[in-house]
Amino acid sequence: MRKFYILLLCFVLFGCQQSESNQPNTTSSKNVIMIMVDSMTGELIQTSLEEEREKFPALRYLVENGNVYNDLVAPFPSMSVSIESTLITGEMPNKHSIPGLTWYDVKNDRIIDYGTSFETYRKLGFKESLEDSLYNLNNVHLSKETTTIFEELHDRGIKSGAINLLLYRGKTEHEIEPPAIIYWTTGIREKIKTNGPDILSFGSFYRPKELQTELLPDALLLKAGLSDYYTTEAITKLIKNNEQPPFLLAFFPDMDKRTHRNGPPYVHGLKTVDDHLQRILDAYGSWEEALEQNIFILFGDHGQASLVENEERAKLNLHDLYAEYYIAPFGEKPASGDIVIANNHRSAYIYPIRKDIQIKDLVEKGLQDPRMGIAAAEQNGWVEAWSPDVDQPLRFKKGGEWEDIYGQKWTIDGSLDVLGLKTSQEEKSIHYTDYPDALNQLYSALHSLPNSIIVTAKPGFVVFSETTPVHNGGGEHGGLHRDDTLAVLIVSGTDKKIENPRIVDLKDYILSLFDE
């Protein structure tokens, strides 16, 4: 996600206007402050509190006064855009229609990319890519068949807010007016109307009326406000000005880049997160008062897998694996090629264009590299998952007598070793190991971009294609493995627990807090 923010900084700052809201401020006895920390995991929290406990007073306070879940499961692909979509809708990609950070729009024959790199934006077109990220993502691409947390709270008469979230669709209209330089560089001239929660803040690009007169760290040299620092200042200003909405969802993006560069777990990078949390807690006069007034939900959006040091070794090059097929370069129509690659860093969708290309052939070619973890496709109503280390595939479909720990029913056949599944014949139960919630993740991802296959690398490697970044020796995510998909969840200020925590289940949990 942070890569998207860096790209936006290349286009100076948007001016903004905002709409009024006359909703009643009806709420439960406590407000909810929910902060998503990019790439924060249970291992990172545990290591930090064990090795340098005194340097993390805010995290220690929230942990000691709350419940900690070290196995919060992100959806797949484990990229922030699809994760945020799942978070606010309570649905998987097949329902909310955001397949990943990068995906192939079959209907319009376009690669949609919300921010892989500056070079990707340049090749796909700045104007089109910015429109996708600033408008289409929330107002066109995110399925209108789903409802968001902000929309449902609005219907209950409960005010809500979002700070530095890329996904925020609500029922209050906001209007962004790009300055002239945006038109000169991208051709975007008209005002951009978008629907969000009552309070919507996105760094310098959009500031709500509640923060219009405040001094905030949103200068271009301060990342235009797309930082943990700005998020913290915006939250504390709302608190001190008595403008805090009953539900506030905010994003700390900075840990992602630090972990990409240094690898997980990066304890030093978490220290600044604790500093920001201290400022938020201090805004209430005392930390005890903060928990008396609020439920704090602090969570990571995904993990990161450590990459091998050698860059060429880290790159699992899809252009080499699929060399016999023509892949249209960015800038050309994707359908002018034989196949399309939509890369999500440690995984990718591969979509066949030519009618004579067999799905099974694409799977087999992907498995020729031993660095590949899983290749999967749906055929005849069954999802088939293959591993280069296992002779037979695993076949599964929804419904049946087998039940996993999330209460999902499946029919399974073939080799359980492909996904490391453990079963109890007596209880007809399924347990996950290296690939948490993998059946649901693969099923939903394949149905979000039908007729494609999915390839995902083993830990240590990225699937490489045009413009994909490689953080060799650092960390990366986007894959199916537990290193990518497990994050941490800390809930303080309530005794209400979550059973088998997944990001897809958090929306219902939040709404339940307002039922009390």
Protein backbone atom coordinates (compact mmCIF):
# COMPACT_ATOMS: atom_id res chain seq x y z
CA MET A 1 0.00 0.00 0.00
CA ARG A 2 2.75 2.44 0.88
CA LYS A 3 4.01 2.29 -2.73
CA PHE A 4 0.74 3.85 -3.82
CA TYR A 5 1.24 6.75 -1.43
CA ILE A 6 4.74 7.39 -2.75
CA LEU A 7 3.36 7.55 -6.28
CA LEU A 8 0.77 10.13 -5.32
CA LEU A 9 3.47 12.40 -3.95
CA CYS A 10 4.71 12.81 -7.50
CA PHE A 11 1.58 14.80 -8.36
CA VAL A 12 1.67 17.60 -5.73
CA LEU A 13 -1.26 18.21 -3.44
CA PHE A 14 -4.98 18.26 -4.06
CA GLY A 15 -7.17 21.07 -2.81
CA CYS A 16 -10.42 19.97 -1.23
CA GLN A 17 -13.92 20.88 -0.22
CA GLN A 18 -16.20 18.95 2.05
CA SER A 19 -19.86 18.35 2.60
CA GLU A 20 -21.83 18.83 5.79
CA SER A 21 -23.38 15.95 7.67
CA ASN A 22 -26.44 16.27 9.88
CA GLN A 23 -26.48 12.73 11.20
CA PRO A 24 -27.27 12.19 14.89
CA ASN A 25 -24.31 11.18 17.02
CA THR A 26 -25.88 7.99 18.33
CA THR A 27 -23.42 5.43 19.69
CA SER A 28 -22.76 2.69 22.21
CA SER A 29 -21.27 3.51 25.60
CA LYS A 30 -17.75 3.49 24.15
CA ASN A 31 -16.21 4.84 20.99
CA VAL A 32 -14.07 2.58 18.81
CA ILE A 33 -10.64 3.63 17.55
CA MET A 34 -9.27 1.12 15.07
CA ILE A 35 -5.71 1.51 13.79
CA MET A 36 -4.24 -0.67 11.06
CA VAL A 37 -0.43 -0.89 11.21
CA ASP A 38 1.05 -2.07 7.94
CA SER A 39 2.99 -5.35 8.29
CA MET A 40 2.60 -5.67 12.08
CA THR A 41 2.72 -9.30 13.23
CA GLY A 42 2.50 -11.27 16.43
CA GLU A 43 6.18 -12.16 16.16
CA LEU A 44 7.04 -8.46 15.96
CA ILE A 45 4.98 -7.59 19.05
CA GLN A 46 6.29 -10.57 21.03
CA THR A 47 9.93 -9.93 20.12
CA SER A 48 9.63 -6.22 20.91
CA LEU A 49 8.04 -6.73 24.33
CA GLU A 50 10.41 -9.54 25.28
CA GLU A 51 13.67 -7.92 24.19
CA GLU A 52 13.06 -4.19 24.73
CA ARG A 53 9.98 -4.07 26.92
CA GLU A 54 10.61 -0.62 28.43
CA LYS A 55 10.80 1.01 24.99
CA PHE A 56 7.19 0.11 24.18
CA PRO A 57 5.03 1.50 27.02
CA ALA A 58 1.90 2.12 24.91
CA LEU A 59 1.92 -1.31 23.27
CA ARG A 60 2.62 -2.90 26.63
CA TYR A 61 -0.33 -1.02 28.17
CA LEU A 62 -2.73 -2.07 25.43
CA VAL A 63 -1.53 -5.69 25.54
CA GLU A 64 -1.78 -5.89 29.33
CA ASN A 65 -5.27 -4.42 29.26
CA GLY A 66 -6.63 -6.34 26.32
CA ASN A 67 -6.76 -9.55 24.34
CA VAL A 68 -4.01 -10.40 21.87
CA TYR A 69 -4.52 -12.61 18.82
CA ASN A 70 -1.27 -13.55 17.11
CA ASP A 71 -2.95 -15.36 14.23
CA LEU A 72 -5.19 -12.77 12.56
CA VAL A 73 -5.67 -14.13 9.03
CA ALA A 74 -5.55 -11.74 6.07
CA PRO A 75 -7.35 -12.51 2.82
CA PHE A 76 -5.41 -13.55 -0.26
CA PRO A 77 -3.70 -12.01 -2.12
CA SER A 78 -2.16 -10.40 0.97
CA MET A 79 -1.96 -6.90 -0.48
CA SER A 80 -3.32 -3.88 1.39
CA VAL A 81 -5.90 -2.88 -1.24
CA SER A 82 -7.69 -6.24 -1.27
CA ILE A 83 -7.25 -6.49 2.51
CA GLU A 84 -8.83 -3.09 3.13
CA SER A 85 -11.68 -4.04 0.81
CA THR A 86 -12.28 -7.18 2.85
CA LEU A 87 -11.99 -5.24 6.11
CA ILE A 88 -14.66 -2.65 5.31
CA THR A 89 -17.08 -4.99 3.50
CA GLY A 90 -16.67 -8.18 5.55
CA GLU A 91 -16.40 -10.10 2.27
CA MET A 92 -13.68 -11.93 0.36
CA PRO A 93 -12.44 -10.78 -3.09
CA ASN A 94 -15.01 -12.83 -5.01
CA LYS A 95 -17.72 -10.71 -3.36
CA HIS A 96 -16.12 -7.27 -3.07
CA SER A 97 -14.53 -7.54 -6.57
CA ILE A 98 -11.04 -6.20 -5.78
CA PRO A 99 -8.83 -9.17 -6.79
CA GLY A 100 -5.57 -7.54 -5.67
CA LEU A 101 -3.24 -4.57 -5.95
CA THR A 102 -2.95 -5.50 -9.63
CA TRP A 103 -5.60 -7.29 -11.67
CA TYR A 104 -6.84 -7.74 -15.21
CA ASP A 105 -10.07 -5.99 -16.17
CA VAL A 106 -11.28 -8.44 -18.81
CA LYS A 107 -14.29 -6.37 -19.89
CA ASN A 108 -12.24 -3.24 -20.65
CA ASP A 109 -9.01 -5.06 -21.56
CA ARG A 110 -6.95 -3.10 -19.02
CA ILE A 111 -4.42 -3.86 -16.33
CA ILE A 112 -5.65 -2.17 -13.15
CA ASP A 113 -2.83 -1.21 -10.82
CA TYR A 114 -3.35 0.84 -7.66
CA GLY A 115 0.32 1.56 -7.01
CA THR A 116 3.02 -1.05 -7.67
CA SER A 117 5.68 1.46 -8.72
CA PHE A 118 6.20 4.80 -10.46
CA GLU A 119 7.37 2.92 -13.55
CA THR A 120 4.11 0.93 -13.61
CA TYR A 121 2.09 4.14 -13.45
CA ARG A 122 4.19 5.66 -16.21
CA LYS A 123 3.68 2.72 -18.53
CA LEU A 124 -0.02 2.23 -17.81
CA GLY A 125 -0.72 5.96 -17.96
CA PHE A 126 -0.70 8.43 -15.08
CA LYS A 127 -4.20 9.73 -15.75
CA GLU A 128 -5.84 6.32 -15.92
CA SER A 129 -3.96 4.96 -12.91
CA LEU A 130 -4.75 7.97 -10.74
CA GLU A 131 -8.42 7.81 -11.70
CA ASP A 132 -8.43 4.12 -10.75
CA SER A 133 -6.90 4.85 -7.35
CA LEU A 134 -8.65 8.11 -6.47
CA TYR A 135 -12.12 7.42 -7.84
CA ASN A 136 -12.77 4.04 -9.47
CA LEU A 137 -11.49 1.92 -6.58
CA ASN A 138 -14.19 3.08 -4.14
CA ASN A 139 -16.92 4.19 -6.51
CA VAL A 140 -16.72 1.74 -9.44
CA HIS A 141 -14.51 -1.28 -8.75
CA LEU A 142 -15.64 -2.03 -5.18
CA SER A 143 -18.81 -4.04 -5.66
CA LYS A 144 -22.07 -2.23 -4.99
CA GLU A 145 -23.53 -5.60 -4.05
CA THR A 146 -21.60 -5.31 -0.79
CA THR A 147 -22.10 -2.78 2.00
CA THR A 148 -19.25 -1.21 3.93
CA ILE A 149 -18.86 -0.63 7.66
CA PHE A 150 -19.21 3.10 7.02
CA GLU A 151 -22.46 2.65 5.09
CA GLU A 152 -23.99 0.42 7.75
CA LEU A 153 -23.03 2.75 10.59
CA HIS A 154 -24.50 5.67 8.61
CA ASP A 155 -27.80 3.78 8.33
CA ARG A 156 -27.76 3.31 12.11
CA GLY A 157 -27.22 7.03 12.65
CA ILE A 158 -23.66 6.52 13.92
CA LYS A 159 -20.94 8.87 12.69
CA SER A 160 -17.69 7.40 11.43
CA GLY A 161 -14.34 8.52 10.06
CA ALA A 162 -11.39 7.26 8.04
CA ILE A 163 -7.85 8.64 8.08
CA ASN A 164 -5.36 7.75 5.33
CA LEU A 165 -7.30 4.68 4.20
CA LEU A 166 -7.42 4.00 0.48
CA LEU A 167 -10.75 2.13 0.91
CA TYR A 168 -13.39 4.22 2.65
CA ARG A 169 -16.70 4.09 0.75
CA GLY A 170 -19.57 5.58 2.71
CA LYS A 171 -22.70 7.67 2.15
CA THR A 172 -21.38 11.22 2.64
CA GLU A 173 -20.28 13.00 -0.51
CA HIS A 174 -16.85 14.61 -0.58
CA GLU A 175 -15.43 16.65 -3.42
CA ILE A 176 -11.76 16.85 -4.37
CA GLU A 177 -10.70 19.65 -6.66
CA PRO A 178 -7.30 18.99 -8.29
CA PRO A 179 -5.09 22.08 -8.81
CA ALA A 180 -3.95 23.18 -12.26
CA ILE A 181 -0.66 21.30 -12.17
CA ILE A 182 -2.55 18.01 -11.96
CA TYR A 183 -4.31 18.88 -15.20
CA TRP A 184 -1.01 19.80 -16.84
CA THR A 185 0.61 16.49 -15.90
CA THR A 186 -2.31 14.06 -16.10
CA GLY A 187 -5.18 15.74 -17.92
CA ILE A 188 -7.44 15.44 -14.85
CA ARG A 189 -9.26 18.76 -14.58
CA GLU A 190 -12.75 18.17 -13.24
CA LYS A 191 -13.61 17.88 -9.57
CA ILE A 192 -13.62 14.36 -8.22
CA LYS A 193 -16.71 13.47 -6.22
CA THR A 194 -16.39 10.49 -3.96
CA ASN A 195 -18.50 8.96 -1.18
CA GLY A 196 -16.97 8.28 2.20
CA PRO A 197 -17.67 8.36 5.93
CA ASP A 198 -18.65 11.57 7.73
CA ILE A 199 -15.01 12.45 8.41
CA LEU A 200 -12.63 11.63 5.56
CA SER A 201 -8.96 12.61 5.73
CA PHE A 202 -6.29 11.61 3.23
CA GLY A 203 -3.17 13.62 4.02
CA SER A 204 -2.89 16.83 2.04
CA PHE A 205 -5.06 15.38 -0.69
CA TYR A 206 -8.25 15.74 1.33
CA ARG A 207 -8.80 17.38 4.71
CA PRO A 208 -12.25 17.36 6.38
CA LYS A 209 -13.89 20.47 7.80
CA GLU A 210 -13.10 19.27 11.33
CA LEU A 211 -9.38 19.68 10.56
CA GLN A 212 -9.41 22.59 8.12
CA THR A 213 -7.92 25.13 10.55
CA GLU A 214 -5.45 22.79 12.24
CA LEU A 215 -1.70 22.81 11.73
CA LEU A 216 -0.92 19.31 10.52
CA PRO A 217 2.28 17.69 9.15
CA ASP A 218 1.09 17.50 5.56
CA ALA A 219 3.76 19.39 3.64
CA LEU A 220 5.23 17.70 0.58
CA LEU A 221 8.51 17.21 2.46
CA LEU A 222 6.53 15.39 5.15
CA LYS A 223 5.17 12.86 2.65
CA ALA A 224 2.13 15.07 2.02
CA GLY A 225 0.57 13.73 5.18
CA LEU A 226 0.57 10.13 3.99
CA SER A 227 2.43 8.97 7.08
CA ASP A 228 2.01 7.64 10.60
CA TYR A 229 2.86 11.13 11.88
CA TYR A 230 -0.03 12.79 10.07
CA THR A 231 -2.46 10.03 11.05
CA THR A 232 -1.49 10.49 14.70
CA GLU A 233 -1.85 14.27 14.61
CA ALA A 234 -5.23 14.02 12.88
CA ILE A 235 -6.52 11.59 15.51
CA THR A 236 -5.28 13.68 18.45
CA LYS A 237 -6.74 16.90 16.99
CA LEU A 238 -10.14 15.26 16.61
CA ILE A 239 -9.97 14.03 20.21
CA LYS A 240 -8.90 17.35 21.71
CA ASN A 241 -11.45 19.31 19.67
CA ASN A 242 -14.27 16.96 20.72
CA GLU A 243 -14.76 15.98 17.06
CA GLN A 244 -13.96 12.29 17.48
CA PRO A 245 -16.63 10.15 15.78
CA PRO A 246 -17.93 7.02 17.52
CA PHE A 247 -16.04 4.88 14.98
CA LEU A 248 -12.67 5.94 13.62
CA LEU A 249 -10.57 3.77 11.31
CA ALA A 250 -7.00 4.96 10.69
CA PHE A 251 -3.90 3.68 8.93
CA PHE A 252 -0.22 3.72 9.88
CA PRO A 253 1.60 3.00 6.58
CA ASP A 254 5.27 3.48 7.50
CA MET A 255 6.16 0.00 8.85
CA ASP A 256 5.62 -1.52 5.42
CA LYS A 257 8.58 0.21 3.77
CA ARG A 258 10.81 -0.39 6.79
CA THR A 259 10.04 -4.10 6.73
CA HIS A 260 10.49 -4.33 2.95
CA ARG A 261 13.94 -2.85 3.41
CA ASN A 262 15.08 -4.56 6.62
CA GLY A 263 13.08 -7.78 6.67
CA PRO A 264 10.80 -9.09 9.43
CA PRO A 265 10.58 -8.72 12.36
CA TYR A 266 11.91 -5.15 12.36
CA VAL A 267 11.74 -4.17 16.04
CA HIS A 268 13.37 -0.76 15.65
CA GLY A 269 10.67 0.34 13.21
CA LEU A 270 7.92 -0.48 15.71
CA LYS A 271 9.35 2.01 18.23
CA THR A 272 7.97 4.97 16.28
CA VAL A 273 4.54 3.28 16.22
CA ASP A 274 4.65 3.15 20.01
CA ASP A 275 5.59 6.83 20.16
CA HIS A 276 2.52 7.68 18.07
CA LEU A 277 0.27 5.51 20.24
CA GLN A 278 1.54 7.31 23.33
CA ARG A 279 0.46 10.64 21.82
CA ILE A 280 -3.02 9.31 21.10
CA LEU A 281 -3.44 7.90 24.62
CA ASP A 282 -2.07 11.11 26.13
CA ALA A 283 -4.79 13.11 24.35
CA TYR A 284 -7.31 11.85 26.94
CA GLY A 285 -5.47 13.17 29.97
CA SER A 286 -4.66 9.68 31.23
CA TRP A 287 -4.32 6.29 29.63
CA GLU A 288 -6.91 4.88 32.03
CA GLU A 289 -9.39 7.49 30.83
CA ALA A 290 -8.57 6.58 27.23
CA LEU A 291 -9.67 2.98 27.84
CA GLU A 292 -12.70 4.09 29.84
CA GLN A 293 -13.93 6.08 26.85
CA ASN A 294 -12.76 3.85 23.98
CA ILE A 295 -12.27 0.40 22.66
CA PHE A 296 -8.87 0.35 20.94
CA ILE A 297 -8.39 -2.14 18.12
CA LEU A 298 -4.80 -2.27 16.88
CA PHE A 299 -3.99 -4.73 14.13
CA GLY A 300 -1.66 -5.58 11.27
CA ASP A 301 -2.98 -5.97 7.74
CA HIS A 302 -0.60 -8.78 6.76
CA GLY A 303 2.84 -10.23 7.47
CA GLN A 304 5.94 -10.33 5.30
CA ALA A 305 8.10 -13.23 4.18
CA SER A 306 11.87 -12.84 4.39
CA LEU A 307 13.56 -12.84 0.99
CA VAL A 308 16.89 -14.43 0.10
CA GLU A 309 19.84 -12.05 -0.20
CA ASN A 310 20.67 -12.66 -3.86
CA GLU A 311 18.37 -10.64 -6.14
CA GLU A 312 18.49 -13.03 -9.08
CA ARG A 313 17.81 -15.93 -6.74
CA ALA A 314 14.92 -14.02 -5.12
CA LYS A 315 13.26 -13.38 -8.52
CA LEU A 316 11.06 -16.20 -9.78
CA ASN A 317 10.80 -14.81 -13.30
CA LEU A 318 7.41 -15.47 -14.89
CA HIS A 319 8.61 -14.20 -18.27
CA ASP A 320 11.15 -17.04 -18.30
CA LEU A 321 8.66 -19.66 -17.12
CA TYR A 322 6.13 -18.64 -19.77
CA ALA A 323 8.63 -17.72 -22.48
CA GLU A 324 6.72 -19.59 -25.19
CA TYR A 325 3.79 -17.18 -24.82
CA TYR A 326 3.71 -13.57 -25.94
CA ILE A 327 2.98 -11.27 -23.00
CA ALA A 328 1.97 -7.78 -24.11
CA PRO A 329 4.14 -5.17 -22.37
CA PHE A 330 2.52 -2.39 -20.37
CA GLY A 331 1.37 0.29 -22.77
CA GLU A 332 -0.11 -2.24 -25.21
CA LYS A 333 -3.55 -3.77 -24.97
CA PRO A 334 -3.19 -6.85 -22.72
CA ALA A 335 -5.38 -8.94 -25.04
CA SER A 336 -2.85 -8.49 -27.83
CA GLY A 337 -0.78 -11.09 -26.03
CA ASP A 338 -1.24 -14.81 -25.49
CA ILE A 339 -1.54 -14.52 -21.71
CA VAL A 340 -1.86 -11.69 -19.18
CA ILE A 341 0.09 -11.50 -15.94
CA ALA A 342 -1.36 -9.51 -13.03
CA ASN A 343 1.42 -9.50 -10.47
CA ASN A 344 0.88 -9.16 -6.71
CA HIS A 345 4.55 -9.51 -5.74
CA ARG A 346 4.61 -12.97 -4.13
CA SER A 347 1.71 -14.21 -6.20
CA ALA A 348 0.20 -13.54 -9.58
CA TYR A 349 -2.93 -14.14 -11.63
CA ILE A 350 -2.24 -15.56 -15.08
CA TYR A 351 -5.06 -15.17 -17.56
CA PRO A 352 -5.07 -16.99 -20.93
CA ILE A 353 -6.15 -14.91 -23.93
CA ARG A 354 -5.71 -17.45 -26.72
CA LYS A 355 -8.54 -19.98 -26.74
CA ASP A 356 -6.21 -22.90 -27.45
CA ILE A 357 -4.19 -22.37 -24.25
CA GLN A 358 -5.07 -24.99 -21.68
CA ILE A 359 -5.31 -24.04 -18.02
CA LYS A 360 -3.52 -27.24 -17.06
CA ASP A 361 -0.57 -26.29 -19.28
CA LEU A 362 -0.22 -22.94 -17.50
CA VAL A 363 -0.26 -24.71 -14.14
CA GLU A 364 2.35 -27.25 -15.22
CA LYS A 365 4.70 -24.58 -16.57
CA GLY A 366 4.40 -22.63 -13.34
CA LEU A 367 5.42 -25.68 -11.33
CA GLN A 368 8.64 -26.19 -13.32
CA ASP A 369 10.45 -23.83 -10.95
CA PRO A 370 11.05 -25.42 -7.50
CA ARG A 371 10.77 -21.96 -5.89
CA MET A 372 7.04 -21.98 -6.68
CA GLY A 373 4.89 -22.81 -3.69
CA ILE A 374 1.41 -23.39 -5.10
CA ALA A 375 -0.29 -23.19 -8.48
CA ALA A 376 -4.09 -23.36 -8.52
CA ALA A 377 -7.00 -23.16 -10.93
CA GLU A 378 -10.70 -23.95 -11.03
CA GLN A 379 -11.96 -26.53 -13.48
CA ASN A 380 -15.39 -28.17 -13.69
CA GLY A 381 -16.48 -26.74 -10.36
CA TRP A 382 -13.40 -27.95 -8.47
CA VAL A 383 -10.39 -25.95 -7.36
CA GLU A 384 -7.18 -27.86 -8.04
CA ALA A 385 -4.05 -26.88 -6.15
CA TRP A 386 -0.63 -28.22 -7.06
CA SER A 387 2.82 -28.08 -5.49
CA PRO A 388 6.15 -28.86 -7.21
CA ASP A 389 7.01 -30.99 -4.16
CA VAL A 390 3.90 -33.22 -4.27
CA ASP A 391 3.01 -35.66 -7.06
CA GLN A 392 -0.78 -35.37 -6.84
CA PRO A 393 -3.03 -32.29 -6.62
CA LEU A 394 -5.50 -31.39 -3.93
CA ARG A 395 -9.04 -30.96 -5.25
CA PHE A 396 -11.76 -29.19 -3.28
CA LYS A 397 -15.06 -27.39 -3.63
CA LYS A 398 -17.54 -25.61 -1.38
CA GLY A 399 -20.03 -27.67 0.56
CA GLY A 400 -19.62 -31.17 1.89
CA GLU A 401 -18.99 -33.06 5.09
CA TRP A 402 -15.58 -31.64 5.99
CA GLU A 403 -15.57 -28.56 8.24
CA ASP A 404 -12.61 -26.27 8.92
CA ILE A 405 -11.97 -24.24 12.07
CA TYR A 406 -13.93 -21.28 10.64
CA GLY A 407 -17.10 -23.34 10.22
CA GLN A 408 -16.73 -23.54 6.42
CA LYS A 409 -17.85 -26.78 4.75
CA TRP A 410 -15.79 -28.44 2.02
CA THR A 411 -15.53 -31.49 -0.17
CA ILE A 412 -11.87 -32.50 -0.47
CA ASP A 413 -10.04 -35.10 -2.52
CA GLY A 414 -6.40 -35.86 -3.31
CA SER A 415 -3.18 -34.97 -1.53
CA LEU A 416 -3.57 -32.92 1.66
CA ASP A 417 0.19 -32.29 1.61
CA VAL A 418 -0.20 -29.66 -1.14
CA LEU A 419 -1.60 -27.20 1.42
CA GLY A 420 -0.35 -28.94 4.53
CA LEU A 421 -3.88 -29.76 5.69
CA LYS A 422 -4.47 -31.93 8.74
CA THR A 423 -7.76 -33.78 9.12
CA SER A 424 -9.63 -35.78 11.71
CA GLN A 425 -11.58 -38.58 10.07
CA GLU A 426 -13.68 -39.09 13.18
CA GLU A 427 -14.69 -35.43 13.50
CA LYS A 428 -14.58 -34.68 9.77
CA SER A 429 -12.55 -31.59 10.63
CA ILE A 430 -9.85 -29.70 8.71
CA HIS A 431 -6.94 -27.88 10.34
CA TYR A 432 -4.55 -25.49 8.59
CA THR A 433 -0.78 -25.30 9.08
CA ASP A 434 1.45 -23.33 6.67
CA TYR A 435 -1.48 -21.95 4.67
CA PRO A 436 -4.15 -20.58 7.06
CA ASP A 437 -7.68 -20.50 5.60
CA ALA A 438 -6.16 -21.60 2.29
CA LEU A 439 -9.27 -23.31 0.92
CA ASN A 440 -11.37 -20.17 1.32
CA GLN A 441 -8.54 -17.91 0.15
CA LEU A 442 -7.87 -19.79 -3.09
CA TYR A 443 -11.56 -20.31 -3.79
CA SER A 444 -12.41 -16.62 -3.38
CA ALA A 445 -9.37 -15.36 -5.29
CA LEU A 446 -10.02 -17.64 -8.29
CA HIS A 447 -13.67 -16.54 -8.36
CA SER A 448 -12.67 -12.87 -8.23
CA LEU A 449 -10.89 -13.26 -11.59
CA PRO A 450 -12.56 -16.27 -13.28
CA ASN A 451 -10.73 -18.36 -15.89
CA SER A 452 -7.33 -17.42 -14.47
CA ILE A 453 -4.77 -19.44 -12.59
CA ILE A 454 -2.91 -18.39 -9.45
CA VAL A 455 0.76 -18.93 -8.79
CA THR A 456 2.35 -18.09 -5.45
CA ALA A 457 5.98 -18.40 -4.42
CA LYS A 458 7.55 -20.17 -1.48
CA PRO A 459 8.91 -17.97 1.34
CA GLY A 460 12.16 -16.35 0.27
CA PHE A 461 11.05 -15.49 -3.27
CA VAL A 462 8.89 -13.15 -5.33
CA VAL A 463 7.15 -13.84 -8.61
CA PHE A 464 8.69 -11.35 -11.00
CA SER A 465 7.24 -9.71 -14.09
CA GLU A 466 7.39 -6.29 -15.72
CA THR A 467 8.05 -3.43 -13.18
CA THR A 468 7.74 -5.69 -10.11
CA PRO A 469 9.97 -4.45 -7.25
CA VAL A 470 12.39 -6.91 -5.61
CA HIS A 471 13.45 -6.26 -2.00
CA ASN A 472 16.18 -8.90 -1.91
CA GLY A 473 17.35 -9.54 1.64
CA GLY A 474 14.31 -7.69 2.98
CA GLY A 475 10.65 -8.64 3.21
CA GLU A 476 7.71 -9.01 0.82
CA HIS A 477 4.07 -10.08 0.90
CA GLY A 478 1.24 -10.93 -1.44
CA GLY A 479 1.55 -14.70 -1.09
CA LEU A 480 -0.54 -17.46 0.44
CA HIS A 481 1.92 -18.65 3.11
CA ARG A 482 1.41 -17.94 6.81
CA ASP A 483 4.41 -15.59 6.68
CA ASP A 484 2.36 -13.36 4.33
CA THR A 485 -1.13 -13.81 5.74
CA LEU A 486 -0.77 -13.88 9.53
CA ALA A 487 -0.86 -10.56 11.39
CA VAL A 488 -1.59 -9.53 14.99
CA LEU A 489 -4.78 -8.16 16.55
CA ILE A 490 -4.90 -6.37 19.93
CA VAL A 491 -8.31 -5.45 21.37
CA SER A 492 -8.32 -3.31 24.52
CA GLY A 493 -11.19 -1.76 26.45
CA THR A 494 -13.69 -4.61 26.07
CA ASP A 495 -14.01 -8.19 27.23
CA LYS A 496 -15.83 -9.18 24.04
CA LYS A 497 -13.64 -11.77 22.35
CA ILE A 498 -13.22 -12.91 18.77
CA GLU A 499 -13.26 -16.60 17.95
CA ASN A 500 -10.84 -17.66 15.20
CA PRO A 501 -9.90 -14.13 14.11
CA ARG A 502 -9.79 -13.23 10.43
CA ILE A 503 -9.88 -9.80 8.81
CA VAL A 504 -13.00 -10.89 6.92
CA ASP A 505 -14.77 -11.27 10.30
CA LEU A 506 -13.77 -7.92 11.81
CA LYS A 507 -16.62 -5.91 10.29
CA ASP A 508 -19.26 -8.01 12.05
CA TYR A 509 -17.25 -7.82 15.27
CA ILE A 510 -17.13 -4.00 15.10
CA LEU A 511 -20.85 -3.74 14.42
CA SER A 512 -21.51 -6.02 17.40
CA LEU A 513 -19.67 -3.56 19.65
CA PHE A 514 -22.29 -0.94 18.82
CA ASP A 515 -25.09 -3.37 19.69
CA GLU A 516 -24.05 -3.47 23.34
